[in-house]
Amino acid sequence: MKVFDSSLSVFKRSGKHIKKSAANDIEKIVKELVVNKALTHTPGRKYNFYSNMKPSILCGFNLQKMFNWISDRKKHMIFNRGAC
């Protein structure tokens, strides 16, 4: 079979796909962000598209409530009632 395929110039495909690197694209995007100082706080500059977005994901986060929840879970685990 190999001789026959070779005589007909039939080559077996490797079955592997080459992944194209995104490094050049990422480099272009980063350069653009740096040149335009997109990630630097500039007084007076606003992004209207994100006007309803909180400034931080932790904005309004209740740390005391989280600590209480963790303490409750630990108590449940100590008394073998499960972690839920």
PDB file of N, CA and C in Angstrom:
ATOM      1  N   MET A   1       0.832  -1.198   0.000  1.00  0.00           N
ATOM      2  CA  MET A   1       0.000   0.000   0.000  1.00  0.00           C
ATOM      3  C   MET A   1       0.867   1.248   0.000  1.00  0.00           C
ATOM      4  N   LYS A   2       1.961   1.217   0.775  1.00  0.00           N
ATOM      5  CA  LYS A   2       2.834   2.387   0.830  1.00  0.00           C
ATOM      6  C   LYS A   2       3.454   2.672  -0.536  1.00  0.00           C
ATOM      7  N   VAL A   3       3.881   1.610  -1.230  1.00  0.00           N
ATOM      8  CA  VAL A   3       4.483   1.775  -2.561  1.00  0.00           C
ATOM      9  C   VAL A   3       3.438   2.301  -3.533  1.00  0.00           C
ATOM     10  N   PHE A   4       2.229   1.771  -3.455  1.00  0.00           N
ATOM     11  CA  PHE A   4       1.143   2.209  -4.338  1.00  0.00           C
ATOM     12  C   PHE A   4       0.819   3.684  -4.091  1.00  0.00           C
ATOM     13  N   ASP A   5       0.651   4.074  -2.807  1.00  0.00           N
ATOM     14  CA  ASP A   5       0.379   5.470  -2.477  1.00  0.00           C
ATOM     15  C   ASP A   5       1.514   6.371  -2.931  1.00  0.00           C
ATOM     16  N   SER A   6       2.729   5.898  -2.740  1.00  0.00           N
ATOM     17  CA  SER A   6       3.892   6.689  -3.140  1.00  0.00           C
ATOM     18  C   SER A   6       3.922   6.878  -4.648  1.00  0.00           C
ATOM     19  N   SER A   7       3.609   5.843  -5.405  1.00  0.00           N
ATOM     20  CA  SER A   7       3.624   5.937  -6.867  1.00  0.00           C
ATOM     21  C   SER A   7       2.550   6.898  -7.385  1.00  0.00           C
ATOM     22  N   LEU A   8       1.448   7.027  -6.637  1.00  0.00           N
ATOM     23  CA  LEU A   8       0.379   7.951  -7.029  1.00  0.00           C
ATOM     24  C   LEU A   8       0.524   9.328  -6.366  1.00  0.00           C
ATOM     25  N   SER A   9       1.614   9.485  -5.606  1.00  0.00           N
ATOM     26  CA  SER A   9       1.878  10.732  -4.872  1.00  0.00           C
ATOM     27  C   SER A   9       0.753  11.039  -3.884  1.00  0.00           C
ATOM     28  N   VAL A  10       0.238  10.009  -3.226  1.00  0.00           N
ATOM     29  CA  VAL A  10      -0.783  10.172  -2.199  1.00  0.00           C
ATOM     30  C   VAL A  10      -0.075  10.210  -0.853  1.00  0.00           C
ATOM     31  N   PHE A  11      -0.270  11.274  -0.129  1.00  0.00           N
ATOM     32  CA  PHE A  11       0.384  11.411   1.163  1.00  0.00           C
ATOM     33  C   PHE A  11      -0.655  11.409   2.275  1.00  0.00           C
ATOM     34  N   LYS A  12      -0.313  10.736   3.330  1.00  0.00           N
ATOM     35  CA  LYS A  12      -1.199  10.664   4.481  1.00  0.00           C
ATOM     36  C   LYS A  12      -1.114  11.978   5.262  1.00  0.00           C
ATOM     37  N   ARG A  13      -2.258  12.502   5.591  1.00  0.00           N
ATOM     38  CA  ARG A  13      -2.284  13.717   6.411  1.00  0.00           C
ATOM     39  C   ARG A  13      -1.919  13.380   7.843  1.00  0.00           C
ATOM     40  N   SER A  14      -1.305  14.329   8.496  1.00  0.00           N
ATOM     41  CA  SER A  14      -0.858  14.074   9.866  1.00  0.00           C
ATOM     42  C   SER A  14      -2.018  14.073  10.853  1.00  0.00           C
ATOM     43  N   GLY A  15      -3.091  14.765  10.523  1.00  0.00           N
ATOM     44  CA  GLY A  15      -4.230  14.841  11.428  1.00  0.00           C
ATOM     45  C   GLY A  15      -4.056  15.897  12.505  1.00  0.00           C
ATOM     46  N   LYS A  16      -2.943  16.598  12.450  1.00  0.00           N
ATOM     47  CA  LYS A  16      -2.686  17.643  13.446  1.00  0.00           C
ATOM     48  C   LYS A  16      -2.955  19.006  12.832  1.00  0.00           C
ATOM     49  N   HIS A  17      -3.493  19.878  13.620  1.00  0.00           N
ATOM     50  CA  HIS A  17      -3.753  21.240  13.181  1.00  0.00           C
ATOM     51  C   HIS A  17      -2.733  22.161  13.818  1.00  0.00           C
ATOM     52  N   ILE A  18      -2.277  23.093  13.038  1.00  0.00           N
ATOM     53  CA  ILE A  18      -1.313  24.063  13.556  1.00  0.00           C
ATOM     54  C   ILE A  18      -2.081  25.218  14.168  1.00  0.00           C
ATOM     55  N   LYS A  19      -1.751  25.533  15.416  1.00  0.00           N
ATOM     56  CA  LYS A  19      -2.392  26.664  16.077  1.00  0.00           C
ATOM     57  C   LYS A  19      -1.635  27.934  15.732  1.00  0.00           C
ATOM     58  N   LYS A  20      -2.354  28.913  15.262  1.00  0.00           N
ATOM     59  CA  LYS A  20      -1.743  30.179  14.924  1.00  0.00           C
ATOM     60  C   LYS A  20      -1.552  30.983  16.206  1.00  0.00           C
ATOM     61  N   SER A  21      -0.404  31.569  16.326  1.00  0.00           N
ATOM     62  CA  SER A  21      -0.089  32.349  17.518  1.00  0.00           C
ATOM     63  C   SER A  21      -0.857  33.667  17.506  1.00  0.00           C
ATOM     64  N   ALA A  22      -1.372  34.032  18.660  1.00  0.00           N
ATOM     65  CA  ALA A  22      -2.076  35.303  18.807  1.00  0.00           C
ATOM     66  C   ALA A  22      -1.148  36.387  19.338  1.00  0.00           C
ATOM     67  N   ALA A  23       0.132  36.077  19.467  1.00  0.00           N
ATOM     68  CA  ALA A  23       1.093  37.008  20.073  1.00  0.00           C
ATOM     69  C   ALA A  23       1.149  38.343  19.338  1.00  0.00           C
ATOM     70  N   ASN A  24       1.184  38.317  18.006  1.00  0.00           N
ATOM     71  CA  ASN A  24       1.251  39.575  17.248  1.00  0.00           C
ATOM     72  C   ASN A  24      -0.006  40.416  17.450  1.00  0.00           C
ATOM     73  N   ASP A  25      -1.164  39.769  17.446  1.00  0.00           N
ATOM     74  CA  ASP A  25      -2.423  40.495  17.641  1.00  0.00           C
ATOM     75  C   ASP A  25      -2.479  41.114  19.032  1.00  0.00           C
ATOM     76  N   ILE A  26      -2.077  40.342  20.033  1.00  0.00           N
ATOM     77  CA  ILE A  26      -2.089  40.848  21.409  1.00  0.00           C
ATOM     78  C   ILE A  26      -1.125  42.017  21.549  1.00  0.00           C
ATOM     79  N   GLU A  27       0.040  41.909  20.914  1.00  0.00           N
ATOM     80  CA  GLU A  27       1.033  42.994  20.977  1.00  0.00           C
ATOM     81  C   GLU A  27       0.476  44.278  20.374  1.00  0.00           C
ATOM     82  N   LYS A  28      -0.222  44.170  19.252  1.00  0.00           N
ATOM     83  CA  LYS A  28      -0.831  45.348  18.617  1.00  0.00           C
ATOM     84  C   LYS A  28      -1.878  45.993  19.533  1.00  0.00           C
ATOM     85  N   ILE A  29      -2.701  45.158  20.163  1.00  0.00           N
ATOM     86  CA  ILE A  29      -3.751  45.679  21.051  1.00  0.00           C
ATOM     87  C   ILE A  29      -3.128  46.370  22.253  1.00  0.00           C
ATOM     88  N   VAL A  30      -2.110  45.753  22.850  1.00  0.00           N
ATOM     89  CA  VAL A  30      -1.464  46.343  24.020  1.00  0.00           C
ATOM     90  C   VAL A  30      -0.806  47.668  23.655  1.00  0.00           C
ATOM     91  N   LYS A  31      -0.131  47.719  22.510  1.00  0.00           N
ATOM     92  CA  LYS A  31       0.496  48.976  22.070  1.00  0.00           C
ATOM     93  C   LYS A  31      -0.550  50.070  21.916  1.00  0.00           C
ATOM     94  N   GLU A  32      -1.684  49.725  21.322  1.00  0.00           N
ATOM     95  CA  GLU A  32      -2.766  50.702  21.119  1.00  0.00           C
ATOM     96  C   GLU A  32      -3.297  51.212  22.456  1.00  0.00           C
ATOM     97  N   LEU A  33      -3.475  50.304  23.422  1.00  0.00           N
ATOM     98  CA  LEU A  33      -3.953  50.705  24.747  1.00  0.00           C
ATOM     99  C   LEU A  33      -2.945  51.612  25.438  1.00  0.00           C
ATOM    100  N   VAL A  34      -1.663  51.296  25.312  1.00  0.00           N
ATOM    101  CA  VAL A  34      -0.621  52.096  25.955  1.00  0.00           C
ATOM    102  C   VAL A  34      -0.528  53.471  25.314  1.00  0.00           C
ATOM    103  N   VAL A  35      -0.518  53.535  23.986  1.00  0.00           N
ATOM    104  CA  VAL A  35      -0.414  54.810  23.277  1.00  0.00           C
ATOM    105  C   VAL A  35      -1.575  55.730  23.642  1.00  0.00           C
ATOM    106  N   ASN A  36      -2.766  55.179  23.747  1.00  0.00           N
ATOM    107  CA  ASN A  36      -3.949  55.986  24.062  1.00  0.00           C
ATOM    108  C   ASN A  36      -4.199  56.118  25.560  1.00  0.00           C
ATOM    109  N   LYS A  37      -3.316  55.550  26.378  1.00  0.00           N
ATOM    110  CA  LYS A  37      -3.427  55.601  27.838  1.00  0.00           C
ATOM    111  C   LYS A  37      -4.832  55.188  28.293  1.00  0.00           C
ATOM    112  N   ALA A  38      -5.326  54.116  27.691  1.00  0.00           N
ATOM    113  CA  ALA A  38      -6.692  53.663  27.955  1.00  0.00           C
ATOM    114  C   ALA A  38      -6.867  53.139  29.373  1.00  0.00           C
ATOM    115  N   LEU A  39      -5.805  52.626  29.977  1.00  0.00           N
ATOM    116  CA  LEU A  39      -5.921  52.044  31.310  1.00  0.00           C
ATOM    117  C   LEU A  39      -5.384  52.979  32.395  1.00  0.00           C
ATOM    118  N   THR A  40      -5.116  54.221  32.031  1.00  0.00           N
ATOM    119  CA  THR A  40      -4.635  55.226  32.979  1.00  0.00           C
ATOM    120  C   THR A  40      -5.787  56.147  33.342  1.00  0.00           C
ATOM    121  N   HIS A  41      -5.930  56.408  34.645  1.00  0.00           N
ATOM    122  CA  HIS A  41      -6.999  57.311  35.077  1.00  0.00           C
ATOM    123  C   HIS A  41      -6.710  58.714  34.556  1.00  0.00           C
ATOM    124  N   THR A  42      -7.661  59.266  33.837  1.00  0.00           N
ATOM    125  CA  THR A  42      -7.557  60.624  33.325  1.00  0.00           C
ATOM    126  C   THR A  42      -8.753  61.398  33.856  1.00  0.00           C
ATOM    127  N   PRO A  43      -8.508  62.418  34.702  1.00  0.00           N
ATOM    128  CA  PRO A  43      -9.632  63.186  35.254  1.00  0.00           C
ATOM    129  C   PRO A  43     -10.520  63.752  34.147  1.00  0.00           C
ATOM    130  N   GLY A  44     -11.818  63.598  34.331  1.00  0.00           N
ATOM    131  CA  GLY A  44     -12.782  64.123  33.377  1.00  0.00           C
ATOM    132  C   GLY A  44     -13.118  63.187  32.232  1.00  0.00           C
ATOM    133  N   ARG A  45     -12.335  62.137  32.049  1.00  0.00           N
ATOM    134  CA  ARG A  45     -12.624  61.203  30.954  1.00  0.00           C
ATOM    135  C   ARG A  45     -13.611  60.160  31.449  1.00  0.00           C
ATOM    136  N   LYS A  46     -14.662  59.953  30.670  1.00  0.00           N
ATOM    137  CA  LYS A  46     -15.688  58.970  31.013  1.00  0.00           C
ATOM    138  C   LYS A  46     -15.947  58.078  29.817  1.00  0.00           C
ATOM    139  N   TYR A  47     -16.343  56.868  30.111  1.00  0.00           N
ATOM    140  CA  TYR A  47     -16.773  55.944  29.084  1.00  0.00           C
ATOM    141  C   TYR A  47     -18.287  55.819  29.222  1.00  0.00           C
ATOM    142  N   ASN A  48     -19.024  56.468  28.359  1.00  0.00           N
ATOM    143  CA  ASN A  48     -20.487  56.483  28.445  1.00  0.00           C
ATOM    144  C   ASN A  48     -21.085  55.087  28.372  1.00  0.00           C
ATOM    145  N   PHE A  49     -20.450  54.203  27.641  1.00  0.00           N
ATOM    146  CA  PHE A  49     -20.971  52.851  27.485  1.00  0.00           C
ATOM    147  C   PHE A  49     -21.045  52.130  28.823  1.00  0.00           C
ATOM    148  N   TYR A  50     -20.120  52.456  29.740  1.00  0.00           N
ATOM    149  CA  TYR A  50     -20.041  51.774  31.027  1.00  0.00           C
ATOM    150  C   TYR A  50     -20.592  52.619  32.174  1.00  0.00           C
ATOM    151  N   SER A  51     -21.467  53.549  31.886  1.00  0.00           N
ATOM    152  CA  SER A  51     -21.953  54.473  32.910  1.00  0.00           C
ATOM    153  C   SER A  51     -22.694  53.778  34.052  1.00  0.00           C
ATOM    154  N   ASN A  52     -23.327  52.641  33.811  1.00  0.00           N
ATOM    155  CA  ASN A  52     -24.068  51.945  34.863  1.00  0.00           C
ATOM    156  C   ASN A  52     -23.219  50.926  35.612  1.00  0.00           C
ATOM    157  N   MET A  53     -21.973  50.791  35.231  1.00  0.00           N
ATOM    158  CA  MET A  53     -21.102  49.800  35.844  1.00  0.00           C
ATOM    159  C   MET A  53     -20.470  50.363  37.125  1.00  0.00           C
ATOM    160  N   LYS A  54     -20.405  49.536  38.156  1.00  0.00           N
ATOM    161  CA  LYS A  54     -19.780  49.933  39.406  1.00  0.00           C
ATOM    162  C   LYS A  54     -18.273  50.065  39.195  1.00  0.00           C
ATOM    163  N   PRO A  55     -17.619  50.937  39.957  1.00  0.00           N
ATOM    164  CA  PRO A  55     -16.176  51.128  39.775  1.00  0.00           C
ATOM    165  C   PRO A  55     -15.349  49.907  40.152  1.00  0.00           C
ATOM    166  N   SER A  56     -15.912  49.027  40.983  1.00  0.00           N
ATOM    167  CA  SER A  56     -15.190  47.833  41.405  1.00  0.00           C
ATOM    168  C   SER A  56     -16.192  46.709  41.640  1.00  0.00           C
ATOM    169  N   ILE A  57     -15.762  45.471  41.431  1.00  0.00           N
ATOM    170  CA  ILE A  57     -16.654  44.345  41.695  1.00  0.00           C
ATOM    171  C   ILE A  57     -16.884  44.183  43.192  1.00  0.00           C
ATOM    172  N   LEU A  58     -16.023  44.803  44.005  1.00  0.00           N
ATOM    173  CA  LEU A  58     -16.183  44.717  45.452  1.00  0.00           C
ATOM    174  C   LEU A  58     -17.027  45.856  46.010  1.00  0.00           C
ATOM    175  N   CYS A  59     -17.457  46.748  45.144  1.00  0.00           N
ATOM    176  CA  CYS A  59     -18.287  47.865  45.573  1.00  0.00           C
ATOM    177  C   CYS A  59     -19.607  47.314  46.131  1.00  0.00           C
ATOM    178  N   GLY A  60     -19.896  47.622  47.383  1.00  0.00           N
ATOM    179  CA  GLY A  60     -21.114  47.130  48.020  1.00  0.00           C
ATOM    180  C   GLY A  60     -20.962  45.749  48.628  1.00  0.00           C
ATOM    181  N   PHE A  61     -19.763  45.178  48.572  1.00  0.00           N
ATOM    182  CA  PHE A  61     -19.521  43.846  49.135  1.00  0.00           C
ATOM    183  C   PHE A  61     -19.480  43.942  50.653  1.00  0.00           C
ATOM    184  N   ASN A  62     -20.240  43.087  51.334  1.00  0.00           N
ATOM    185  CA  ASN A  62     -20.333  43.112  52.784  1.00  0.00           C
ATOM    186  C   ASN A  62     -19.347  42.102  53.361  1.00  0.00           C
ATOM    187  N   LEU A  63     -18.196  42.606  53.802  1.00  0.00           N
ATOM    188  CA  LEU A  63     -17.143  41.748  54.318  1.00  0.00           C
ATOM    189  C   LEU A  63     -17.568  41.039  55.597  1.00  0.00           C
ATOM    190  N   GLN A  64     -18.286  41.729  56.471  1.00  0.00           N
ATOM    191  CA  GLN A  64     -18.739  41.132  57.723  1.00  0.00           C
ATOM    192  C   GLN A  64     -19.691  39.964  57.465  1.00  0.00           C
ATOM    193  N   LYS A  65     -20.561  40.140  56.492  1.00  0.00           N
ATOM    194  CA  LYS A  65     -21.502  39.076  56.139  1.00  0.00           C
ATOM    195  C   LYS A  65     -20.752  37.846  55.621  1.00  0.00           C
ATOM    196  N   MET A  66     -19.665  38.068  54.847  1.00  0.00           N
ATOM    197  CA  MET A  66     -18.865  36.959  54.350  1.00  0.00           C
ATOM    198  C   MET A  66     -18.191  36.217  55.507  1.00  0.00           C
ATOM    199  N   PHE A  67     -17.617  36.973  56.447  1.00  0.00           N
ATOM    200  CA  PHE A  67     -16.971  36.339  57.599  1.00  0.00           C
ATOM    201  C   PHE A  67     -17.973  35.527  58.419  1.00  0.00           C
ATOM    202  N   ASN A  68     -19.171  36.048  58.596  1.00  0.00           N
ATOM    203  CA  ASN A  68     -20.213  35.317  59.321  1.00  0.00           C
ATOM    204  C   ASN A  68     -20.569  34.020  58.594  1.00  0.00           C
ATOM    205  N   TRP A  69     -20.670  34.083  57.276  1.00  0.00           N
ATOM    206  CA  TRP A  69     -20.994  32.902  56.481  1.00  0.00           C
ATOM    207  C   TRP A  69     -19.903  31.843  56.642  1.00  0.00           C
ATOM    208  N   ILE A  70     -18.634  32.278  56.571  1.00  0.00           N
ATOM    209  CA  ILE A  70     -17.520  31.340  56.732  1.00  0.00           C
ATOM    210  C   ILE A  70     -17.551  30.708  58.118  1.00  0.00           C
ATOM    211  N   SER A  71     -17.797  31.503  59.144  1.00  0.00           N
ATOM    212  CA  SER A  71     -17.868  30.967  60.507  1.00  0.00           C
ATOM    213  C   SER A  71     -18.984  29.940  60.643  1.00  0.00           C
ATOM    214  N   ASP A  72     -20.131  30.241  60.058  1.00  0.00           N
ATOM    215  CA  ASP A  72     -21.245  29.288  60.092  1.00  0.00           C
ATOM    216  C   ASP A  72     -20.872  27.981  59.400  1.00  0.00           C
ATOM    217  N   ARG A  73     -20.205  28.055  58.257  1.00  0.00           N
ATOM    218  CA  ARG A  73     -19.794  26.844  57.535  1.00  0.00           C
ATOM    219  C   ARG A  73     -18.817  26.031  58.372  1.00  0.00           C
ATOM    220  N   LYS A  74     -17.894  26.704  59.041  1.00  0.00           N
ATOM    221  CA  LYS A  74     -16.931  25.988  59.884  1.00  0.00           C
ATOM    222  C   LYS A  74     -17.636  25.268  61.024  1.00  0.00           C
ATOM    223  N   LYS A  75     -18.620  25.917  61.638  1.00  0.00           N
ATOM    224  CA  LYS A  75     -19.378  25.287  62.726  1.00  0.00           C
ATOM    225  C   LYS A  75     -20.097  24.043  62.224  1.00  0.00           C
ATOM    226  N   HIS A  76     -20.717  24.151  61.052  1.00  0.00           N
ATOM    227  CA  HIS A  76     -21.428  22.997  60.470  1.00  0.00           C
ATOM    228  C   HIS A  76     -20.467  21.843  60.217  1.00  0.00           C
ATOM    229  N   MET A  77     -19.269  22.164  59.716  1.00  0.00           N
ATOM    230  CA  MET A  77     -18.288  21.128  59.432  1.00  0.00           C
ATOM    231  C   MET A  77     -17.794  20.463  60.712  1.00  0.00           C
ATOM    232  N   ILE A  78     -17.615  21.258  61.772  1.00  0.00           N
ATOM    233  CA  ILE A  78     -17.144  20.722  63.049  1.00  0.00           C
ATOM    234  C   ILE A  78     -18.157  19.732  63.622  1.00  0.00           C
ATOM    235  N   PHE A  79     -19.420  20.038  63.484  1.00  0.00           N
ATOM    236  CA  PHE A  79     -20.476  19.180  64.025  1.00  0.00           C
ATOM    237  C   PHE A  79     -20.918  18.105  63.029  1.00  0.00           C
ATOM    238  N   ASN A  80     -20.123  17.885  61.986  1.00  0.00           N
ATOM    239  CA  ASN A  80     -20.360  16.843  60.962  1.00  0.00           C
ATOM    240  C   ASN A  80     -21.718  16.977  60.276  1.00  0.00           C
ATOM    241  N   ARG A  81     -22.139  18.156  60.063  1.00  0.00           N
ATOM    242  CA  ARG A  81     -23.416  18.349  59.375  1.00  0.00           C
ATOM    243  C   ARG A  81     -23.204  18.634  57.889  1.00  0.00           C
ATOM    244  N   GLY A  82     -21.990  18.645  57.442  1.00  0.00           N
ATOM    245  CA  GLY A  82     -21.703  18.935  56.042  1.00  0.00           C
ATOM    246  C   GLY A  82     -21.307  20.391  55.877  1.00  0.00           C
ATOM    247  N   ALA A  83     -20.789  20.719  54.734  1.00  0.00           N
ATOM    248  CA  ALA A  83     -20.291  22.061  54.482  1.00  0.00           C
ATOM    249  C   ALA A  83     -21.359  23.004  53.957  1.00  0.00           C
ATOM    250  N   CYS A  84     -22.530  22.513  53.626  1.00  0.00           N
ATOM    251  CA  CYS A  84     -23.555  23.372  53.022  1.00  0.00           C
ATOM    252  C   CYS A  84     -24.400  24.071  54.054  1.00  0.00           C
TER     253      CYS A  84
END
